[in-house]
Amino acid sequence: MTRAELEHAIRAACDVAQDDEVFVFGSQAILGQYPEASDALRQSAEADIAPVHAASKIDVIDANLGELSAFHQAFQFFVHGVGLEAAVLPKGWKRRAIRVQGPNTNNKIGWCVEAHDLAVSKLVAWRPKDIDFVRTLIVEELVNARKLLRRIDQLPVHERAPKAHRERMKAWVRGIVNDLGRG
């Protein structure tokens, strides 16, 4: 996905949901903060989007813009409607979200999860593709390891992020930093 495609996804999701603002989760949220992110970070053809004010329209987004929809077939990327509960994010993530708004969004607003918050949510998920994504963020110096460790500590109490998992995430981050000789 490209930044222009992300902006198109924001515009389309806002139109379908009849909302002026959406939250962008998932890996392609990186394009909010880093429009020229490397190909390694732009592998997904999917934008995970939650309407800010029209949460009940998630299914409408999926039906109109989701995988295998006419939208997907026409543009070769798709929008997955998600609820706020889809991602476990550090406290304060909303105030750090990156605003994407302009002519290509029809001045609708896409609030993209900030890179460190995004990395933490990916580590909570702990899937191989998510771990690879975060490793790339660290290698390419798009996130700072110390800030990432602080954000892990800012996770709310959540069943998907128990203390043992948080400690594993922090140990993994420290290990990557040591492997890169940045420790």
Protein backbone atom coordinates (compact mmCIF):
# COMPACT_ATOMS: atom_id res chain seq x y z
CA MET A 1 0.00 0.00 0.00
CA THR A 2 1.15 3.54 -0.69
CA ARG A 3 0.36 6.78 1.16
CA ALA A 4 -1.98 7.79 -1.69
CA GLU A 5 -3.80 4.45 -1.35
CA LEU A 6 -4.06 4.94 2.41
CA GLU A 7 -5.59 8.38 1.84
CA HIS A 8 -8.04 6.82 -0.64
CA ALA A 9 -8.92 4.17 1.98
CA ILE A 10 -9.56 6.89 4.57
CA ARG A 11 -11.79 8.83 2.17
CA ALA A 12 -13.72 5.72 1.13
CA ALA A 13 -14.18 4.49 4.71
CA CYS A 14 -15.42 7.90 5.84
CA ASP A 15 -17.85 8.05 2.93
CA VAL A 16 -19.22 4.54 3.52
CA ALA A 17 -19.46 5.01 7.30
CA GLN A 18 -20.84 8.54 6.95
CA ASP A 19 -18.22 9.71 9.42
CA ASP A 20 -15.69 12.54 9.06
CA GLU A 21 -13.00 10.75 11.08
CA VAL A 22 -11.56 7.25 11.27
CA PHE A 23 -8.80 5.55 13.25
CA VAL A 24 -6.24 3.64 11.20
CA PHE A 25 -4.74 0.58 12.90
CA GLY A 26 -2.58 -2.21 11.61
CA SER A 27 0.70 -2.06 9.76
CA GLN A 28 -0.37 0.46 7.14
CA ALA A 29 -0.94 3.09 9.84
CA ILE A 30 2.83 3.59 9.54
CA LEU A 31 2.14 5.58 6.36
CA GLY A 32 0.59 8.34 8.45
CA GLN A 33 3.87 9.15 10.14
CA TYR A 34 6.20 7.84 7.45
CA PRO A 35 4.60 8.37 4.01
CA GLU A 36 7.72 7.05 2.29
CA ALA A 37 8.07 3.93 4.47
CA SER A 38 10.15 1.16 2.93
CA ASP A 39 8.63 -1.63 0.86
CA ALA A 40 9.28 -4.01 3.76
CA LEU A 41 6.77 -2.03 5.85
CA ARG A 42 4.18 -1.66 3.07
CA GLN A 43 3.56 -5.33 2.31
CA SER A 44 -0.08 -5.38 3.33
CA ALA A 45 -2.87 -4.58 0.88
CA GLU A 46 -5.20 -3.96 3.82
CA ALA A 47 -5.98 -0.89 5.92
CA ASP A 48 -7.60 -1.64 9.29
CA ILE A 49 -10.00 1.22 9.96
CA ALA A 50 -12.47 2.07 12.74
CA PRO A 51 -14.96 4.93 12.39
CA VAL A 52 -14.53 7.43 15.21
CA HIS A 53 -18.21 8.38 15.58
CA ALA A 54 -20.05 5.65 13.66
CA ALA A 55 -18.79 2.46 15.29
CA SER A 56 -21.91 0.62 14.16
CA LYS A 57 -20.78 0.99 10.52
CA ILE A 58 -17.87 -1.46 10.75
CA ASP A 59 -19.77 -4.15 8.87
CA VAL A 60 -20.81 -1.63 6.21
CA ILE A 61 -17.14 -0.81 5.63
CA ASP A 62 -16.29 -4.51 5.29
CA ALA A 63 -19.19 -5.16 2.93
CA ASN A 64 -18.37 -2.25 0.63
CA LEU A 65 -14.59 -1.96 0.86
CA GLY A 66 -13.41 -5.28 2.30
CA GLU A 67 -11.49 -8.21 0.94
CA LEU A 68 -12.89 -9.54 -2.36
CA SER A 69 -15.25 -6.56 -2.69
CA ALA A 70 -15.65 -4.64 -5.95
CA PHE A 71 -13.48 -1.93 -4.31
CA HIS A 72 -10.71 -4.47 -3.66
CA GLN A 73 -10.91 -5.78 -7.21
CA ALA A 74 -10.84 -2.26 -8.68
CA PHE A 75 -8.00 -0.83 -6.58
CA GLN A 76 -5.98 -3.90 -5.49
CA PHE A 77 -6.17 -2.94 -1.80
CA PHE A 78 -9.01 -3.15 0.70
CA VAL A 79 -10.34 -1.74 3.94
CA HIS A 80 -11.08 -3.95 6.92
CA GLY A 81 -13.57 -2.40 9.30
CA VAL A 82 -12.45 -3.02 12.87
CA GLY A 83 -13.55 -2.04 16.34
CA LEU A 84 -11.33 -0.19 18.80
CA GLU A 85 -10.92 -3.44 20.71
CA ALA A 86 -9.07 -5.00 17.76
CA ALA A 87 -5.73 -3.56 18.92
CA VAL A 88 -4.23 -3.39 22.39
CA LEU A 89 -2.52 -0.01 22.54
CA PRO A 90 -0.58 1.94 25.20
CA LYS A 91 -2.42 4.48 27.29
CA GLY A 92 -2.59 7.88 25.60
CA TRP A 93 -2.35 6.53 22.05
CA LYS A 94 -5.23 8.69 20.78
CA ARG A 95 -3.49 11.95 21.63
CA ARG A 96 -0.34 10.75 19.84
CA ALA A 97 -2.15 9.59 16.69
CA ILE A 98 -0.95 11.15 13.45
CA ARG A 99 -3.53 13.22 11.58
CA VAL A 100 -3.84 12.47 7.85
CA GLN A 101 -6.07 14.97 6.08
CA GLY A 102 -5.98 16.68 2.72
CA PRO A 103 -7.37 16.79 -0.80
CA ASN A 104 -6.97 13.03 -1.34
CA THR A 105 -9.06 12.37 1.79
CA ASN A 106 -11.67 14.98 0.78
CA ASN A 107 -10.56 16.68 4.01
CA LYS A 108 -11.83 13.73 6.03
CA ILE A 109 -9.48 12.78 8.87
CA GLY A 110 -7.62 9.55 9.33
CA TRP A 111 -5.99 9.22 12.75
CA CYS A 112 -3.06 6.84 12.21
CA VAL A 113 -1.60 5.08 15.21
CA GLU A 114 1.85 6.55 15.98
CA ALA A 115 4.85 4.30 15.19
CA HIS A 116 5.80 3.35 18.77
CA ASP A 117 2.17 2.65 19.71
CA LEU A 118 1.79 0.63 16.50
CA ALA A 119 4.93 -1.36 17.29
CA VAL A 120 3.64 -2.18 20.78
CA SER A 121 0.29 -3.35 19.40
CA LYS A 122 2.16 -5.58 16.94
CA LEU A 123 4.25 -7.04 19.76
CA VAL A 124 1.10 -7.75 21.76
CA ALA A 125 -0.22 -9.73 18.79
CA TRP A 126 3.14 -11.58 18.63
CA ARG A 127 2.59 -13.17 15.22
CA PRO A 128 5.70 -13.81 13.09
CA LYS A 129 4.70 -11.14 10.55
CA ASP A 130 4.14 -8.62 13.37
CA ILE A 131 7.49 -9.39 15.00
CA ASP A 132 9.20 -8.98 11.61
CA PHE A 133 7.40 -5.66 11.13
CA VAL A 134 8.63 -4.32 14.48
CA ARG A 135 12.15 -5.57 13.84
CA THR A 136 12.13 -3.60 10.58
CA LEU A 137 10.92 -0.48 12.43
CA ILE A 138 13.84 -0.84 14.83
CA VAL A 139 16.43 -1.65 12.14
CA GLU A 140 15.30 1.31 10.00
CA GLU A 141 15.35 3.53 13.12
CA LEU A 142 11.72 4.57 12.75
CA VAL A 143 11.17 3.74 16.42
CA ASN A 144 13.43 4.32 19.39
CA ALA A 145 13.99 1.26 21.58
CA ARG A 146 13.88 3.19 24.87
CA LYS A 147 10.60 4.83 23.93
CA LEU A 148 9.27 1.46 22.79
CA LEU A 149 10.10 -0.06 26.18
CA ARG A 150 8.32 2.82 27.94
CA ARG A 151 5.24 2.32 25.75
CA ILE A 152 5.16 -1.39 26.63
CA ASP A 153 5.00 -0.28 30.28
CA GLN A 154 2.04 1.98 29.36
CA LEU A 155 -0.12 -0.91 28.17
CA PRO A 156 -3.41 -1.16 30.03
CA VAL A 157 -4.24 -4.26 32.01
CA HIS A 158 -5.45 -6.63 29.31
CA GLU A 159 -5.81 -10.39 28.88
CA ARG A 160 -3.76 -10.26 25.66
CA ALA A 161 -0.93 -8.41 27.42
CA PRO A 162 -0.34 -10.09 30.80
CA LYS A 163 2.80 -9.27 32.76
CA ALA A 164 4.72 -12.30 31.45
CA HIS A 165 4.02 -11.29 27.84
CA ARG A 166 5.09 -7.71 28.54
CA GLU A 167 8.37 -8.98 29.95
CA ARG A 168 8.86 -11.18 26.88
CA MET A 169 8.22 -8.17 24.62
CA LYS A 170 10.75 -6.06 26.51
CA ALA A 171 13.36 -8.84 26.47
CA TRP A 172 12.84 -9.23 22.71
CA VAL A 173 13.32 -5.48 22.10
CA ARG A 174 16.51 -5.49 24.19
CA GLY A 175 17.73 -8.54 22.28
CA ILE A 176 17.19 -6.87 18.89
CA VAL A 177 19.02 -3.75 20.08
CA ASN A 178 21.93 -5.89 21.29
CA ASP A 179 21.98 -7.87 18.02
CA LEU A 180 22.23 -4.58 16.13
CA GLY A 181 25.07 -3.39 18.35
CA ARG A 182 23.06 -0.46 19.64
CA GLY A 183 22.85 -1.61 23.26
